[in-house]
Amino acid sequence: MNRFPLLNSKLQAVLLVIAGALLLQPAAAQQAAPNNSPGMSPLQKSFMQKRNELQQLQSQLGEIQKKTMKKHPDLQKRQSDFRDLMISKMKEKGHDPDKDIGHLKSLQAKLQNKDIKPDQRKALIKDFRQTNMTLRMEQQKALQDGDVQKARQSLSNDILSAMRDEDPRTDKLLEKVKETRQSLMQMQRRAAAQAQGKQSPKTPGGF
């Protein structure tokens, strides 16, 4: 979910806190989608388990980030400035992220309704994912801007340094995130190879 050029893997993980200031994480959509089902293959089940592990690691990093930011008003201000810079650059390129963010918030609120019909929930999840994907694509375009890259690099470095001071587990968690992502990529490649090797795949879904 994160391809940030010019940054190493640790800084990519730290950008979770920066991106979170601009983009909504699809938590509601993920919660609404089943993590397991009788029709899943062993590889799909392993993928889901590994993905859950990644989400737990990211959650732990998120808690460290949250504690760190609370203790550093200067970083909070720079994060806010970075968010404003990103939004400004996206608008310069003809895309209004505020509209998408508002729509995502509305969809997320609707997905919290436990009484919603299955077909309606499915449609909402699809809308959520498509809108979120569009917003992320526009974010990636803005991230190519020189001013954005410079501000992002500086802020990421300082957040990472502050996180290390806050919690010595930071580097270990970041390394686990990297390893887990690599495992997920390997599973995706295996799934693609299996799909190509079958003329009529019997396993529904995919990655």
Protein backbone atom coordinates (compact mmCIF):
# COMPACT_ATOMS: atom_id res chain seq x y z
CA MET A 1 0.00 0.00 0.00
CA ASN A 2 2.96 2.18 0.15
CA ARG A 3 5.29 2.97 -2.69
CA PHE A 4 7.24 6.10 -1.85
CA PRO A 5 10.26 6.71 -4.12
CA LEU A 6 13.56 7.91 -2.69
CA LEU A 7 12.83 6.40 0.71
CA ASN A 8 14.11 3.25 2.35
CA SER A 9 11.74 0.67 3.84
CA LYS A 10 11.92 2.11 7.35
CA LEU A 11 10.93 5.57 6.21
CA GLN A 12 8.14 4.08 4.11
CA ALA A 13 6.70 2.53 7.26
CA VAL A 14 7.03 5.80 9.17
CA LEU A 15 5.05 7.52 6.43
CA LEU A 16 2.02 5.69 7.78
CA VAL A 17 1.53 8.54 10.21
CA ILE A 18 1.95 11.14 7.48
CA ALA A 19 -0.37 9.48 5.02
CA GLY A 20 -2.86 8.93 7.83
CA ALA A 21 -3.21 12.68 8.16
CA LEU A 22 -4.40 12.86 4.57
CA LEU A 23 -5.98 9.54 3.71
CA LEU A 24 -8.42 7.37 5.56
CA GLN A 25 -7.31 3.82 6.18
CA PRO A 26 -9.96 1.36 4.85
CA ALA A 27 -10.55 -0.09 8.30
CA ALA A 28 -14.30 -0.32 7.92
CA ALA A 29 -14.02 -2.06 4.57
CA GLN A 30 -11.48 -4.52 5.92
CA GLN A 31 -13.62 -5.30 8.95
CA ALA A 32 -16.65 -5.84 6.75
CA ALA A 33 -14.81 -8.23 4.45
CA PRO A 34 -14.42 -11.78 5.78
CA ASN A 35 -10.87 -12.86 6.60
CA ASN A 36 -11.66 -16.51 6.10
CA SER A 37 -14.21 -18.65 4.29
CA PRO A 38 -14.75 -22.33 3.51
CA GLY A 39 -13.98 -21.73 -0.17
CA MET A 40 -10.47 -20.43 0.44
CA SER A 41 -7.43 -22.43 -0.60
CA PRO A 42 -4.61 -23.10 1.91
CA LEU A 43 -2.54 -20.41 0.18
CA GLN A 44 -5.35 -17.88 0.48
CA LYS A 45 -5.80 -18.70 4.17
CA SER A 46 -2.05 -18.29 4.76
CA PHE A 47 -2.18 -14.98 2.93
CA MET A 48 -5.02 -13.74 5.13
CA GLN A 49 -3.18 -14.81 8.28
CA LYS A 50 -0.01 -13.06 7.15
CA ARG A 51 -1.98 -9.95 6.24
CA ASN A 52 -3.48 -9.92 9.72
CA GLU A 53 0.02 -10.15 11.16
CA LEU A 54 1.03 -7.13 9.10
CA GLN A 55 -1.98 -5.17 10.33
CA GLN A 56 -1.08 -5.98 13.94
CA LEU A 57 2.51 -4.84 13.42
CA GLN A 58 1.31 -1.64 11.80
CA SER A 59 -1.06 -1.12 14.71
CA GLN A 60 1.83 -1.40 17.17
CA LEU A 61 3.86 1.07 15.15
CA GLY A 62 0.84 3.33 15.00
CA GLU A 63 0.64 3.37 18.80
CA ILE A 64 4.31 4.31 19.04
CA GLN A 65 3.78 7.04 16.48
CA LYS A 66 0.76 8.32 18.37
CA LYS A 67 2.65 8.54 21.65
CA THR A 68 5.59 10.15 19.91
CA MET A 69 3.53 12.81 18.19
CA LYS A 70 1.74 13.73 21.42
CA LYS A 71 5.08 14.55 22.98
CA HIS A 72 6.30 16.58 20.02
CA PRO A 73 4.06 19.56 19.14
CA ASP A 74 6.68 20.66 16.63
CA LEU A 75 6.25 17.41 14.68
CA GLN A 76 2.47 17.77 14.88
CA LYS A 77 2.77 21.22 13.29
CA ARG A 78 5.08 19.95 10.56
CA GLN A 79 2.77 17.01 9.91
CA SER A 80 -0.15 19.40 9.52
CA ASP A 81 1.90 21.58 7.20
CA PHE A 82 2.85 18.53 5.15
CA ARG A 83 -0.80 17.52 4.85
CA ASP A 84 -1.71 21.02 3.68
CA LEU A 85 1.14 20.93 1.16
CA MET A 86 -0.05 17.59 -0.20
CA ILE A 87 -3.64 18.79 -0.54
CA SER A 88 -2.46 21.97 -2.24
CA LYS A 89 -0.36 20.05 -4.76
CA MET A 90 -3.22 17.65 -5.48
CA LYS A 91 -5.56 20.57 -6.11
CA GLU A 92 -2.98 22.15 -8.41
CA LYS A 93 -3.14 18.96 -10.47
CA GLY A 94 -6.92 19.23 -10.73
CA HIS A 95 -8.05 16.84 -7.99
CA ASP A 96 -9.95 17.84 -4.85
CA PRO A 97 -9.01 15.38 -2.07
CA ASP A 98 -11.42 17.01 0.40
CA LYS A 99 -14.35 15.71 -1.64
CA ASP A 100 -13.00 12.15 -1.65
CA ILE A 101 -12.17 12.26 2.07
CA GLY A 102 -15.68 13.44 2.87
CA HIS A 103 -17.13 10.65 0.75
CA LEU A 104 -14.93 8.05 2.47
CA LYS A 105 -16.04 9.26 5.89
CA SER A 106 -19.67 8.97 4.83
CA LEU A 107 -19.13 5.43 3.51
CA GLN A 108 -17.27 4.43 6.64
CA ALA A 109 -20.14 5.63 8.81
CA LYS A 110 -22.64 3.64 6.74
CA LEU A 111 -20.51 0.49 7.00
CA GLN A 112 -20.74 0.68 10.79
CA ASN A 113 -24.46 -0.05 10.53
CA LYS A 114 -24.87 -3.73 11.45
CA ASP A 115 -28.38 -3.83 9.97
CA ILE A 116 -27.27 -3.00 6.44
CA LYS A 117 -28.20 -5.58 3.81
CA PRO A 118 -25.38 -7.78 2.40
CA ASP A 119 -25.76 -6.48 -1.16
CA GLN A 120 -25.71 -2.88 0.07
CA ARG A 121 -22.63 -3.56 2.21
CA LYS A 122 -20.89 -5.09 -0.79
CA ALA A 123 -21.65 -2.03 -2.90
CA LEU A 124 -20.44 0.32 -0.17
CA ILE A 125 -17.19 -1.62 0.24
CA LYS A 126 -16.61 -1.49 -3.52
CA ASP A 127 -17.25 2.25 -3.56
CA PHE A 128 -14.97 2.74 -0.56
CA ARG A 129 -12.10 0.83 -2.13
CA GLN A 130 -12.43 2.55 -5.50
CA THR A 131 -12.55 6.01 -3.95
CA ASN A 132 -9.64 5.22 -1.66
CA MET A 133 -7.63 3.88 -4.61
CA THR A 134 -8.29 7.02 -6.63
CA LEU A 135 -7.23 9.18 -3.71
CA ARG A 136 -4.03 7.18 -3.25
CA MET A 137 -3.22 7.42 -6.96
CA GLU A 138 -3.60 11.19 -6.82
CA GLN A 139 -1.44 11.25 -3.71
CA GLN A 140 1.28 9.36 -5.57
CA LYS A 141 1.22 11.99 -8.30
CA ALA A 142 1.62 14.77 -5.73
CA LEU A 143 4.50 12.87 -4.13
CA GLN A 144 6.51 13.34 -7.32
CA ASP A 145 6.70 17.08 -6.65
CA GLY A 146 10.16 18.26 -5.55
CA ASP A 147 8.88 20.38 -2.66
CA VAL A 148 6.77 17.49 -1.38
CA GLN A 149 9.66 15.04 -1.59
CA LYS A 150 11.97 17.35 0.33
CA ALA A 151 9.41 18.01 3.09
CA ARG A 152 8.50 14.33 3.30
CA GLN A 153 12.08 13.17 3.61
CA SER A 154 12.87 15.65 6.38
CA LEU A 155 9.69 14.95 8.34
CA SER A 156 10.03 11.17 8.01
CA ASN A 157 13.61 11.23 9.27
CA ASP A 158 12.66 13.31 12.31
CA ILE A 159 9.59 11.20 13.12
CA LEU A 160 11.66 8.03 12.93
CA SER A 161 14.31 9.47 15.21
CA ALA A 162 11.69 10.55 17.76
CA MET A 163 10.01 7.13 17.61
CA ARG A 164 13.31 5.42 18.40
CA ASP A 165 13.72 7.64 21.43
CA GLU A 166 10.16 6.88 22.50
CA ASP A 167 10.29 3.09 22.10
CA PRO A 168 13.38 0.91 21.48
CA ARG A 169 11.17 -1.67 19.70
CA THR A 170 10.73 0.66 16.73
CA ASP A 171 13.49 -0.72 14.51
CA LYS A 172 12.58 -4.32 15.32
CA LEU A 173 8.93 -3.71 14.44
CA LEU A 174 9.90 -1.96 11.22
CA GLU A 175 12.06 -4.91 10.25
CA LYS A 176 9.18 -7.31 10.94
CA VAL A 177 6.92 -5.17 8.78
CA LYS A 178 9.44 -5.41 5.95
CA GLU A 179 9.75 -9.20 6.32
CA THR A 180 5.97 -9.67 6.46
CA ARG A 181 5.45 -7.56 3.35
CA GLN A 182 8.04 -9.62 1.52
CA SER A 183 6.23 -12.81 2.54
CA LEU A 184 2.94 -11.40 1.23
CA MET A 185 4.57 -10.51 -2.08
CA GLN A 186 5.95 -14.04 -2.38
CA MET A 187 2.50 -15.48 -1.72
CA GLN A 188 1.01 -13.21 -4.37
CA ARG A 189 3.58 -14.42 -6.89
CA ARG A 190 2.81 -18.05 -5.98
CA ALA A 191 -0.91 -17.42 -6.41
CA ALA A 192 -0.32 -15.81 -9.81
CA ALA A 193 1.84 -18.77 -10.90
CA GLN A 194 -0.81 -21.25 -9.78
CA ALA A 195 -3.51 -19.32 -11.62
CA GLN A 196 -1.48 -19.36 -14.84
CA GLY A 197 -0.92 -23.09 -14.48
CA LYS A 198 -4.63 -23.84 -14.39
CA GLN A 199 -6.87 -23.56 -17.40
CA SER A 200 -9.98 -23.44 -15.23
CA PRO A 201 -9.17 -22.23 -11.70
CA LYS A 202 -11.49 -23.81 -9.14
CA THR A 203 -10.48 -21.56 -6.27
CA PRO A 204 -12.67 -18.43 -6.11
CA GLY A 205 -11.30 -14.99 -5.49
CA GLY A 206 -7.64 -14.24 -5.37
CA PHE A 207 -5.33 -11.56 -4.17
